[in-house]
Amino acid sequence: MKLGIVKVKLDREVNSYVVACSTTKEAIVIDPGLPAEKIADQLKGLTVKYILATHCHPGHVAGKDAVKELAGGETGLHSADAKQFLRSADRYLVDGDELQFGEFTLTVLHTPGHTPGSLCFVVANHAFVGDTILAGGIGKQTPETDLRRQMMSIGTKLLRLPMSTALYPGHGPATSLERELAQNPIFRGAPAPR
């Protein structure tokens, strides 16, 4: 079982990810921003099963329908963000949902805070965390950000993952849970994980 992860840098400094099962060539697109063609270029030879948004800020979701048109696949996001940002999808994801692609299972975590419908997606020991947490910080606060909820989501959902989990954020470089606990200023004063 081999997982391929390709980061696609989009407009607004957004990271989109193409996550593929190397055996079956089935793939998931995470955060379909613009330009959609840049994502589609990475999908040659792959069968797209799902096109998922970690949240509905335009940079992370504006290319959703174009990617679907170019590559097929089912679109998915959380209903709270669909309402907040007037977006629709083929399916509305909830905490604990499991999506199969190839030999892998993606687990959905609802991590409200950055937006009411922010999601993180866990595949094996990789977590695609959107703007819930970035290397050395968290996503920019916007009017719909609830920082207290965001910290609770990080504490109750992300910190339950193994420390070695690799984190792939919506902006900036990849990191790991262990590194963020040690270095991210949001954890100053947080208890060390037991």
N, C-alpha and C. Protein backbone atom coordinates (compact mmCIF):
# COMPACT_ATOMS: atom_id res chain seq x y z
N MET A 1 0.84 -1.20 0.00
CA MET A 1 0.00 0.00 0.00
C MET A 1 0.87 1.25 0.00
N LYS A 2 0.80 1.99 -1.09
CA LYS A 2 1.62 3.19 -1.15
C LYS A 2 0.73 4.39 -1.47
N LEU A 3 0.97 5.46 -0.71
CA LEU A 3 0.19 6.67 -0.87
C LEU A 3 1.06 7.72 -1.55
N GLY A 4 0.52 8.35 -2.59
CA GLY A 4 1.24 9.46 -3.22
C GLY A 4 0.58 10.77 -2.82
N ILE A 5 1.39 11.76 -2.43
CA ILE A 5 0.84 13.07 -2.06
C ILE A 5 1.56 14.14 -2.89
N VAL A 6 0.80 14.88 -3.68
CA VAL A 6 1.38 15.97 -4.47
C VAL A 6 0.75 17.27 -4.01
N LYS A 7 1.61 18.22 -3.66
CA LYS A 7 1.12 19.55 -3.27
C LYS A 7 1.07 20.42 -4.51
N VAL A 8 -0.06 21.09 -4.73
CA VAL A 8 -0.22 21.99 -5.89
C VAL A 8 -0.41 23.40 -5.35
N LYS A 9 0.54 24.30 -5.67
CA LYS A 9 0.44 25.67 -5.17
C LYS A 9 -0.51 26.47 -6.06
N LEU A 10 -1.53 27.05 -5.45
CA LEU A 10 -2.57 27.76 -6.20
C LEU A 10 -2.54 29.26 -5.91
N ASP A 11 -3.47 29.98 -6.53
CA ASP A 11 -3.63 31.41 -6.26
C ASP A 11 -3.88 31.60 -4.76
N ARG A 12 -3.59 32.81 -4.27
CA ARG A 12 -3.77 33.16 -2.86
C ARG A 12 -2.90 32.31 -1.94
N GLU A 13 -1.80 31.78 -2.50
CA GLU A 13 -0.86 30.98 -1.69
C GLU A 13 -1.53 29.77 -1.03
N VAL A 14 -2.53 29.24 -1.69
CA VAL A 14 -3.25 28.07 -1.15
C VAL A 14 -2.57 26.79 -1.62
N ASN A 15 -2.44 25.85 -0.70
CA ASN A 15 -1.97 24.51 -1.05
C ASN A 15 -3.17 23.62 -1.32
N SER A 16 -3.20 23.05 -2.52
CA SER A 16 -4.16 21.98 -2.81
C SER A 16 -3.34 20.69 -2.78
N TYR A 17 -3.99 19.57 -2.48
CA TYR A 17 -3.27 18.30 -2.44
C TYR A 17 -3.99 17.26 -3.28
N VAL A 18 -3.20 16.51 -4.04
CA VAL A 18 -3.71 15.34 -4.76
C VAL A 18 -3.16 14.13 -4.02
N VAL A 19 -4.06 13.35 -3.44
CA VAL A 19 -3.68 12.21 -2.62
C VAL A 19 -4.14 10.97 -3.35
N ALA A 20 -3.19 10.10 -3.72
CA ALA A 20 -3.54 8.97 -4.59
C ALA A 20 -3.02 7.65 -4.05
N CYS A 21 -3.80 6.61 -4.27
CA CYS A 21 -3.38 5.24 -3.99
C CYS A 21 -2.55 4.78 -5.18
N SER A 22 -1.28 4.49 -4.94
CA SER A 22 -0.38 4.14 -6.05
C SER A 22 -0.78 2.83 -6.73
N THR A 23 -1.42 1.94 -5.98
CA THR A 23 -1.80 0.64 -6.54
C THR A 23 -2.97 0.76 -7.51
N THR A 24 -4.04 1.45 -7.07
CA THR A 24 -5.27 1.49 -7.87
C THR A 24 -5.40 2.75 -8.70
N LYS A 25 -4.55 3.75 -8.41
CA LYS A 25 -4.60 5.04 -9.11
C LYS A 25 -5.90 5.81 -8.81
N GLU A 26 -6.58 5.46 -7.70
CA GLU A 26 -7.72 6.28 -7.28
C GLU A 26 -7.21 7.42 -6.42
N ALA A 27 -7.84 8.60 -6.58
CA ALA A 27 -7.30 9.79 -5.93
C ALA A 27 -8.38 10.65 -5.32
N ILE A 28 -7.93 11.51 -4.41
CA ILE A 28 -8.77 12.52 -3.78
C ILE A 28 -8.08 13.86 -3.98
N VAL A 29 -8.86 14.88 -4.32
CA VAL A 29 -8.33 16.25 -4.39
C VAL A 29 -8.79 16.97 -3.12
N ILE A 30 -7.86 17.60 -2.42
CA ILE A 30 -8.19 18.36 -1.22
C ILE A 30 -7.93 19.84 -1.49
N ASP A 31 -8.93 20.65 -1.22
CA ASP A 31 -8.91 22.11 -1.40
C ASP A 31 -8.73 22.53 -2.87
N PRO A 32 -9.82 22.36 -3.63
CA PRO A 32 -9.79 22.68 -5.06
C PRO A 32 -9.96 24.18 -5.32
N GLY A 33 -8.86 24.92 -5.15
CA GLY A 33 -8.89 26.35 -5.45
C GLY A 33 -8.68 26.58 -6.94
N LEU A 34 -8.14 27.75 -7.27
CA LEU A 34 -7.89 28.12 -8.67
C LEU A 34 -6.41 28.37 -8.88
N PRO A 35 -5.88 28.19 -10.10
CA PRO A 35 -6.56 27.68 -11.29
C PRO A 35 -6.77 26.16 -11.26
N ALA A 36 -7.98 25.75 -11.62
CA ALA A 36 -8.34 24.33 -11.62
C ALA A 36 -7.45 23.51 -12.55
N GLU A 37 -7.00 24.14 -13.64
CA GLU A 37 -6.17 23.42 -14.62
C GLU A 37 -4.86 22.95 -13.99
N LYS A 38 -4.37 23.75 -13.05
CA LYS A 38 -3.11 23.39 -12.39
C LYS A 38 -3.29 22.10 -11.58
N ILE A 39 -4.48 21.93 -11.00
CA ILE A 39 -4.78 20.69 -10.27
C ILE A 39 -4.98 19.56 -11.28
N ALA A 40 -5.75 19.84 -12.33
CA ALA A 40 -6.05 18.82 -13.34
C ALA A 40 -4.77 18.25 -13.95
N ASP A 41 -3.74 19.10 -14.10
CA ASP A 41 -2.46 18.63 -14.66
C ASP A 41 -1.86 17.49 -13.84
N GLN A 42 -2.15 17.48 -12.54
CA GLN A 42 -1.58 16.46 -11.65
C GLN A 42 -2.45 15.20 -11.59
N LEU A 43 -3.57 15.20 -12.32
CA LEU A 43 -4.52 14.09 -12.22
C LEU A 43 -4.45 13.12 -13.39
N LYS A 44 -3.50 13.37 -14.30
CA LYS A 44 -3.41 12.49 -15.47
C LYS A 44 -3.11 11.05 -15.03
N GLY A 45 -3.88 10.12 -15.56
CA GLY A 45 -3.69 8.71 -15.20
C GLY A 45 -4.33 8.31 -13.89
N LEU A 46 -5.00 9.25 -13.23
CA LEU A 46 -5.67 8.95 -11.95
C LEU A 46 -7.18 8.99 -12.12
N THR A 47 -7.88 8.24 -11.29
CA THR A 47 -9.34 8.31 -11.23
C THR A 47 -9.71 9.07 -9.97
N VAL A 48 -10.34 10.23 -10.13
CA VAL A 48 -10.68 11.05 -8.97
C VAL A 48 -12.00 10.55 -8.37
N LYS A 49 -11.95 10.16 -7.10
CA LYS A 49 -13.16 9.71 -6.41
C LYS A 49 -13.85 10.86 -5.68
N TYR A 50 -13.05 11.70 -5.04
CA TYR A 50 -13.63 12.79 -4.24
C TYR A 50 -12.85 14.08 -4.43
N ILE A 51 -13.58 15.19 -4.35
CA ILE A 51 -12.99 16.53 -4.37
C ILE A 51 -13.50 17.21 -3.09
N LEU A 52 -12.60 17.39 -2.13
CA LEU A 52 -13.02 17.80 -0.78
C LEU A 52 -12.45 19.16 -0.41
N ALA A 53 -13.23 19.93 0.33
CA ALA A 53 -12.76 21.23 0.81
C ALA A 53 -12.63 21.19 2.33
N THR A 54 -11.48 21.65 2.84
CA THR A 54 -11.32 21.74 4.29
C THR A 54 -12.21 22.83 4.86
N HIS A 55 -12.47 23.86 4.06
CA HIS A 55 -13.41 24.93 4.45
C HIS A 55 -13.74 25.73 3.20
N CYS A 56 -14.69 26.63 3.32
CA CYS A 56 -15.22 27.26 2.10
C CYS A 56 -14.74 28.68 1.85
N HIS A 57 -13.59 29.06 2.36
CA HIS A 57 -13.01 30.32 1.89
C HIS A 57 -12.67 30.14 0.41
N PRO A 58 -12.90 31.18 -0.41
CA PRO A 58 -12.82 31.02 -1.86
C PRO A 58 -11.51 30.40 -2.35
N GLY A 59 -10.39 30.75 -1.75
CA GLY A 59 -9.11 30.22 -2.19
C GLY A 59 -9.03 28.71 -2.11
N HIS A 60 -9.85 28.12 -1.26
CA HIS A 60 -9.80 26.68 -1.02
C HIS A 60 -10.87 25.90 -1.76
N VAL A 61 -11.84 26.62 -2.35
CA VAL A 61 -12.99 25.89 -2.91
C VAL A 61 -13.46 26.42 -4.27
N ALA A 62 -12.88 27.55 -4.73
CA ALA A 62 -13.42 28.20 -5.94
C ALA A 62 -13.30 27.33 -7.19
N GLY A 63 -12.37 26.36 -7.20
CA GLY A 63 -12.20 25.54 -8.40
C GLY A 63 -12.95 24.22 -8.35
N LYS A 64 -13.75 24.03 -7.30
CA LYS A 64 -14.43 22.75 -7.06
C LYS A 64 -15.20 22.24 -8.27
N ASP A 65 -16.05 23.07 -8.84
CA ASP A 65 -16.89 22.61 -9.95
C ASP A 65 -16.08 22.42 -11.23
N ALA A 66 -15.07 23.28 -11.41
CA ALA A 66 -14.21 23.15 -12.59
C ALA A 66 -13.39 21.87 -12.53
N VAL A 67 -12.87 21.53 -11.34
CA VAL A 67 -12.09 20.29 -11.19
C VAL A 67 -13.00 19.10 -11.45
N LYS A 68 -14.22 19.18 -10.93
CA LYS A 68 -15.18 18.08 -11.15
C LYS A 68 -15.46 17.90 -12.65
N GLU A 69 -15.62 19.02 -13.33
CA GLU A 69 -15.88 18.97 -14.76
C GLU A 69 -14.70 18.37 -15.53
N LEU A 70 -13.49 18.74 -15.12
CA LEU A 70 -12.28 18.27 -15.81
C LEU A 70 -11.94 16.83 -15.47
N ALA A 71 -12.25 16.40 -14.21
CA ALA A 71 -11.71 15.12 -13.75
C ALA A 71 -12.74 14.17 -13.17
N GLY A 72 -13.97 14.65 -12.99
CA GLY A 72 -14.97 13.79 -12.35
C GLY A 72 -14.75 13.75 -10.85
N GLY A 73 -15.52 12.91 -10.17
CA GLY A 73 -15.40 12.80 -8.71
C GLY A 73 -16.57 13.48 -8.02
N GLU A 74 -16.76 13.09 -6.76
CA GLU A 74 -17.86 13.62 -5.94
C GLU A 74 -17.31 14.75 -5.08
N THR A 75 -18.02 15.88 -5.02
CA THR A 75 -17.56 16.99 -4.19
C THR A 75 -18.10 16.83 -2.77
N GLY A 76 -17.30 17.28 -1.80
CA GLY A 76 -17.72 17.16 -0.41
C GLY A 76 -17.20 18.31 0.44
N LEU A 77 -18.08 18.80 1.34
CA LEU A 77 -17.71 19.81 2.32
C LEU A 77 -18.69 19.73 3.49
N HIS A 78 -18.50 20.57 4.49
CA HIS A 78 -19.38 20.53 5.67
C HIS A 78 -20.56 21.47 5.48
N SER A 79 -21.72 21.04 5.94
CA SER A 79 -22.94 21.84 5.71
C SER A 79 -22.88 23.21 6.38
N ALA A 80 -22.17 23.34 7.52
CA ALA A 80 -22.09 24.66 8.19
C ALA A 80 -21.41 25.68 7.29
N ASP A 81 -20.40 25.24 6.55
CA ASP A 81 -19.74 26.17 5.62
C ASP A 81 -20.56 26.36 4.36
N ALA A 82 -21.29 25.33 3.95
CA ALA A 82 -22.18 25.47 2.79
C ALA A 82 -23.16 26.60 3.06
N LYS A 83 -23.72 26.62 4.26
CA LYS A 83 -24.69 27.68 4.64
C LYS A 83 -24.00 29.03 4.73
N GLN A 84 -22.87 29.07 5.43
CA GLN A 84 -22.17 30.33 5.68
C GLN A 84 -21.71 30.99 4.37
N PHE A 85 -21.26 30.18 3.42
CA PHE A 85 -20.65 30.73 2.20
C PHE A 85 -21.47 30.44 0.94
N LEU A 86 -22.68 29.95 1.13
CA LEU A 86 -23.59 29.66 0.01
C LEU A 86 -22.93 28.78 -1.04
N ARG A 87 -22.44 27.65 -0.59
CA ARG A 87 -21.81 26.68 -1.49
C ARG A 87 -22.62 25.38 -1.43
N SER A 88 -22.58 24.61 -2.52
CA SER A 88 -23.25 23.31 -2.49
C SER A 88 -22.24 22.23 -2.83
N ALA A 89 -22.61 20.98 -2.55
CA ALA A 89 -21.71 19.85 -2.84
C ALA A 89 -22.55 18.61 -3.09
N ASP A 90 -21.90 17.58 -3.64
CA ASP A 90 -22.60 16.31 -3.85
C ASP A 90 -22.91 15.64 -2.52
N ARG A 91 -22.00 15.84 -1.54
CA ARG A 91 -22.29 15.26 -0.23
C ARG A 91 -21.77 16.19 0.85
N TYR A 92 -22.48 16.17 1.98
CA TYR A 92 -22.10 17.01 3.11
C TYR A 92 -21.47 16.10 4.15
N LEU A 93 -20.24 16.43 4.52
CA LEU A 93 -19.44 15.55 5.37
C LEU A 93 -19.69 15.86 6.83
N VAL A 94 -19.66 14.83 7.66
CA VAL A 94 -19.77 15.03 9.10
C VAL A 94 -18.60 14.32 9.79
N ASP A 95 -18.37 14.71 11.03
CA ASP A 95 -17.30 14.14 11.83
C ASP A 95 -17.41 12.61 11.85
N GLY A 96 -16.31 11.95 11.57
CA GLY A 96 -16.31 10.48 11.63
C GLY A 96 -16.62 9.80 10.30
N ASP A 97 -17.03 10.58 9.29
CA ASP A 97 -17.26 9.97 7.97
C ASP A 97 -15.97 9.29 7.49
N GLU A 98 -16.15 8.17 6.77
CA GLU A 98 -15.00 7.49 6.17
C GLU A 98 -15.22 7.36 4.68
N LEU A 99 -14.25 7.79 3.90
CA LEU A 99 -14.33 7.72 2.45
C LEU A 99 -13.23 6.79 1.95
N GLN A 100 -13.60 5.83 1.13
CA GLN A 100 -12.63 4.87 0.59
C GLN A 100 -12.08 5.40 -0.73
N PHE A 101 -10.79 5.27 -0.93
CA PHE A 101 -10.21 5.46 -2.26
C PHE A 101 -9.07 4.48 -2.38
N GLY A 102 -9.12 3.64 -3.40
CA GLY A 102 -8.10 2.61 -3.55
C GLY A 102 -8.03 1.77 -2.29
N GLU A 103 -6.81 1.54 -1.79
CA GLU A 103 -6.62 0.72 -0.60
C GLU A 103 -6.62 1.55 0.67
N PHE A 104 -7.02 2.81 0.57
CA PHE A 104 -6.94 3.72 1.72
C PHE A 104 -8.33 4.20 2.15
N THR A 105 -8.39 4.61 3.41
CA THR A 105 -9.60 5.21 3.96
C THR A 105 -9.25 6.60 4.47
N LEU A 106 -10.06 7.58 4.07
CA LEU A 106 -9.91 8.93 4.59
C LEU A 106 -10.96 9.13 5.68
N THR A 107 -10.53 9.60 6.85
CA THR A 107 -11.45 9.88 7.96
C THR A 107 -11.63 11.38 8.09
N VAL A 108 -12.89 11.79 8.23
CA VAL A 108 -13.23 13.21 8.34
C VAL A 108 -13.28 13.62 9.81
N LEU A 109 -12.59 14.70 10.15
CA LEU A 109 -12.70 15.30 11.49
C LEU A 109 -13.33 16.68 11.33
N HIS A 110 -14.41 16.94 12.07
CA HIS A 110 -14.98 18.29 12.05
C HIS A 110 -14.24 19.11 13.09
N THR A 111 -13.55 20.16 12.62
CA THR A 111 -12.71 20.98 13.51
C THR A 111 -13.13 22.45 13.40
N PRO A 112 -14.33 22.78 13.90
CA PRO A 112 -14.82 24.16 13.74
C PRO A 112 -13.92 25.16 14.45
N GLY A 113 -13.91 26.38 13.93
CA GLY A 113 -13.11 27.43 14.53
C GLY A 113 -12.68 28.44 13.48
N HIS A 114 -11.78 28.01 12.59
CA HIS A 114 -11.36 28.91 11.51
C HIS A 114 -12.61 29.33 10.73
N THR A 115 -13.46 28.36 10.43
CA THR A 115 -14.82 28.59 9.93
C THR A 115 -15.71 27.58 10.67
N PRO A 116 -17.03 27.79 10.66
CA PRO A 116 -17.91 26.86 11.40
C PRO A 116 -17.86 25.44 10.86
N GLY A 117 -17.54 25.30 9.57
CA GLY A 117 -17.53 23.97 8.97
C GLY A 117 -16.15 23.46 8.60
N SER A 118 -15.12 23.99 9.26
CA SER A 118 -13.75 23.54 8.95
C SER A 118 -13.60 22.04 9.22
N LEU A 119 -12.91 21.37 8.30
CA LEU A 119 -12.68 19.93 8.40
C LEU A 119 -11.19 19.63 8.29
N CYS A 120 -10.77 18.53 8.91
CA CYS A 120 -9.45 17.97 8.66
C CYS A 120 -9.66 16.55 8.13
N PHE A 121 -8.76 16.12 7.27
CA PHE A 121 -8.89 14.80 6.64
C PHE A 121 -7.66 13.96 6.99
N VAL A 122 -7.89 12.79 7.56
CA VAL A 122 -6.78 11.94 7.99
C VAL A 122 -6.71 10.70 7.09
N VAL A 123 -5.53 10.47 6.51
CA VAL A 123 -5.28 9.27 5.72
C VAL A 123 -3.99 8.66 6.26
N ALA A 124 -4.09 7.44 6.80
CA ALA A 124 -2.93 6.79 7.42
C ALA A 124 -2.32 7.76 8.44
N ASN A 125 -1.01 8.03 8.34
CA ASN A 125 -0.41 8.94 9.34
C ASN A 125 -0.21 10.35 8.76
N HIS A 126 -1.15 10.75 7.89
CA HIS A 126 -1.12 12.08 7.28
C HIS A 126 -2.42 12.80 7.60
N ALA A 127 -2.33 14.06 8.01
CA ALA A 127 -3.55 14.84 8.26
C ALA A 127 -3.51 16.11 7.41
N PHE A 128 -4.58 16.31 6.66
CA PHE A 128 -4.72 17.50 5.81
C PHE A 128 -5.60 18.47 6.59
N VAL A 129 -4.98 19.56 7.09
CA VAL A 129 -5.59 20.32 8.18
C VAL A 129 -6.13 21.69 7.77
N GLY A 130 -6.08 22.01 6.46
CA GLY A 130 -6.63 23.30 6.03
C GLY A 130 -5.99 24.44 6.78
N ASP A 131 -6.80 25.37 7.28
CA ASP A 131 -6.26 26.52 8.02
C ASP A 131 -6.49 26.36 9.52
N THR A 132 -6.82 25.15 9.96
CA THR A 132 -7.00 24.92 11.40
C THR A 132 -5.68 25.10 12.13
N ILE A 133 -4.60 24.60 11.53
CA ILE A 133 -3.26 24.82 12.09
C ILE A 133 -2.28 24.92 10.93
N LEU A 134 -1.32 25.83 11.03
CA LEU A 134 -0.28 25.97 10.02
C LEU A 134 1.06 25.73 10.72
N ALA A 135 2.13 25.56 9.95
CA ALA A 135 3.46 25.46 10.56
C ALA A 135 3.73 26.79 11.27
N GLY A 136 3.85 26.74 12.58
CA GLY A 136 4.18 27.95 13.35
C GLY A 136 3.02 28.89 13.61
N GLY A 137 1.80 28.49 13.31
CA GLY A 137 0.67 29.40 13.57
C GLY A 137 -0.66 28.75 13.26
N ILE A 138 -1.64 29.61 12.98
CA ILE A 138 -2.96 29.14 12.54
C ILE A 138 -3.39 30.03 11.38
N GLY A 139 -4.44 29.63 10.68
CA GLY A 139 -4.91 30.41 9.54
C GLY A 139 -5.34 31.82 9.97
N LYS A 140 -5.29 32.76 9.03
CA LYS A 140 -5.71 34.15 9.30
C LYS A 140 -7.12 34.19 9.87
N GLN A 141 -7.30 35.04 10.88
CA GLN A 141 -8.65 35.18 11.43
C GLN A 141 -9.51 36.00 10.48
N THR A 142 -10.74 35.56 10.31
CA THR A 142 -11.71 36.26 9.47
C THR A 142 -12.94 36.49 10.34
N PRO A 143 -13.94 37.24 9.84
CA PRO A 143 -15.12 37.51 10.68
C PRO A 143 -15.79 36.23 11.22
N GLU A 144 -15.70 35.13 10.45
CA GLU A 144 -16.38 33.91 10.92
C GLU A 144 -15.49 33.01 11.78
N THR A 145 -14.27 33.48 12.08
CA THR A 145 -13.36 32.68 12.93
C THR A 145 -13.78 32.78 14.39
N ASP A 146 -13.81 31.63 15.07
CA ASP A 146 -14.05 31.58 16.51
C ASP A 146 -12.82 30.91 17.11
N LEU A 147 -11.92 31.75 17.62
CA LEU A 147 -10.61 31.27 18.06
C LEU A 147 -10.72 30.26 19.19
N ARG A 148 -11.66 30.48 20.10
CA ARG A 148 -11.81 29.56 21.23
C ARG A 148 -12.21 28.17 20.73
N ARG A 149 -13.16 28.15 19.78
CA ARG A 149 -13.58 26.86 19.20
C ARG A 149 -12.44 26.21 18.44
N GLN A 150 -11.65 27.05 17.75
CA GLN A 150 -10.53 26.52 16.97
C GLN A 150 -9.53 25.83 17.90
N MET A 151 -9.21 26.48 19.02
CA MET A 151 -8.26 25.88 19.97
C MET A 151 -8.84 24.60 20.56
N MET A 152 -10.16 24.59 20.80
CA MET A 152 -10.79 23.38 21.32
C MET A 152 -10.72 22.25 20.29
N SER A 153 -10.94 22.59 19.02
CA SER A 153 -10.86 21.58 17.95
C SER A 153 -9.45 20.99 17.87
N ILE A 154 -8.46 21.87 17.95
CA ILE A 154 -7.07 21.40 17.89
C ILE A 154 -6.81 20.47 19.08
N GLY A 155 -7.27 20.89 20.25
CA GLY A 155 -7.03 20.12 21.47
C GLY A 155 -7.77 18.80 21.50
N THR A 156 -9.03 18.79 21.04
CA THR A 156 -9.84 17.57 21.18
C THR A 156 -9.72 16.65 19.98
N LYS A 157 -9.35 17.18 18.82
CA LYS A 157 -9.29 16.34 17.62
C LYS A 157 -7.84 16.09 17.18
N LEU A 158 -7.10 17.16 16.89
CA LEU A 158 -5.76 16.96 16.32
C LEU A 158 -4.79 16.37 17.33
N LEU A 159 -4.87 16.82 18.60
CA LEU A 159 -3.91 16.33 19.59
C LEU A 159 -4.17 14.89 19.99
N ARG A 160 -5.27 14.30 19.50
CA ARG A 160 -5.51 12.88 19.76
C ARG A 160 -4.83 12.00 18.72
N LEU A 161 -4.33 12.61 17.66
CA LEU A 161 -3.64 11.84 16.63
C LEU A 161 -2.23 11.50 17.14
N PRO A 162 -1.61 10.45 16.58
CA PRO A 162 -0.23 10.13 16.99
C PRO A 162 0.69 11.32 16.76
N MET A 163 1.65 11.50 17.67
CA MET A 163 2.57 12.65 17.59
C MET A 163 3.33 12.70 16.27
N SER A 164 3.55 11.53 15.66
CA SER A 164 4.34 11.50 14.42
C SER A 164 3.51 11.86 13.19
N THR A 165 2.21 12.16 13.38
CA THR A 165 1.35 12.48 12.24
C THR A 165 1.90 13.68 11.46
N ALA A 166 2.02 13.50 10.15
CA ALA A 166 2.45 14.61 9.28
C ALA A 166 1.25 15.52 9.04
N LEU A 167 1.45 16.83 9.11
CA LEU A 167 0.37 17.80 8.90
C LEU A 167 0.61 18.54 7.59
N TYR A 168 -0.44 18.58 6.78
CA TYR A 168 -0.37 19.28 5.49
C TYR A 168 -1.38 20.43 5.53
N PRO A 169 -0.89 21.64 5.79
CA PRO A 169 -1.81 22.78 5.96
C PRO A 169 -2.21 23.44 4.63
N GLY A 170 -3.20 24.32 4.73
CA GLY A 170 -3.72 25.03 3.57
C GLY A 170 -2.79 26.10 3.04
N HIS A 171 -1.79 26.48 3.84
CA HIS A 171 -0.79 27.48 3.43
C HIS A 171 0.55 27.09 4.03
N GLY A 172 1.62 27.39 3.32
CA GLY A 172 2.96 27.18 3.88
C GLY A 172 3.39 25.72 3.87
N PRO A 173 4.51 25.43 4.55
CA PRO A 173 5.12 24.10 4.47
C PRO A 173 4.38 23.05 5.30
N ALA A 174 4.64 21.79 4.96
CA ALA A 174 4.14 20.68 5.77
C ALA A 174 4.93 20.65 7.08
N THR A 175 4.36 19.99 8.09
CA THR A 175 5.01 19.93 9.39
C THR A 175 4.54 18.64 10.07
N SER A 176 4.78 18.51 11.37
CA SER A 176 4.27 17.34 12.08
C SER A 176 3.65 17.81 13.39
N LEU A 177 2.81 16.97 13.95
CA LEU A 177 2.15 17.32 15.20
C LEU A 177 3.18 17.57 16.29
N GLU A 178 4.19 16.69 16.33
CA GLU A 178 5.25 16.80 17.33
C GLU A 178 5.96 18.14 17.23
N ARG A 179 6.32 18.52 16.00
CA ARG A 179 7.04 19.78 15.78
C ARG A 179 6.18 20.97 16.20
N GLU A 180 4.89 20.93 15.84
CA GLU A 180 4.03 22.07 16.20
C GLU A 180 3.85 22.18 17.71
N LEU A 181 3.71 21.05 18.38
CA LEU A 181 3.57 21.09 19.85
C LEU A 181 4.80 21.72 20.48
N ALA A 182 5.96 21.45 19.89
CA ALA A 182 7.20 21.99 20.45
C ALA A 182 7.39 23.46 20.09
N GLN A 183 6.95 23.87 18.88
CA GLN A 183 7.36 25.19 18.37
C GLN A 183 6.24 26.18 18.13
N ASN A 184 5.01 25.71 17.93
CA ASN A 184 3.94 26.64 17.55
C ASN A 184 3.52 27.47 18.75
N PRO A 185 3.56 28.82 18.61
CA PRO A 185 3.21 29.69 19.75
C PRO A 185 1.81 29.44 20.31
N ILE A 186 0.89 28.85 19.51
CA ILE A 186 -0.46 28.62 20.04
C ILE A 186 -0.45 27.62 21.19
N PHE A 187 0.62 26.82 21.32
CA PHE A 187 0.67 25.82 22.39
C PHE A 187 1.42 26.29 23.63
N ARG A 188 1.89 27.54 23.63
CA ARG A 188 2.59 28.02 24.83
C ARG A 188 1.64 27.89 26.00
N GLY A 189 2.09 27.23 27.01
CA GLY A 189 1.22 27.09 28.19
C GLY A 189 0.26 25.91 28.07
N ALA A 190 0.30 25.20 26.95
CA ALA A 190 -0.55 24.00 26.84
C ALA A 190 0.16 22.86 27.56
N PRO A 191 -0.61 21.99 28.19
CA PRO A 191 0.04 20.86 28.88
C PRO A 191 0.74 19.94 27.88
N ALA A 192 1.84 19.37 28.27
CA ALA A 192 2.53 18.41 27.41
C ALA A 192 1.64 17.19 27.25
N PRO A 193 1.63 16.60 26.05
CA PRO A 193 0.77 15.41 25.86
C PRO A 193 1.27 14.26 26.74
N ARG A 194 0.34 13.53 27.32
CA ARG A 194 0.72 12.43 28.19
C ARG A 194 0.94 11.19 27.37
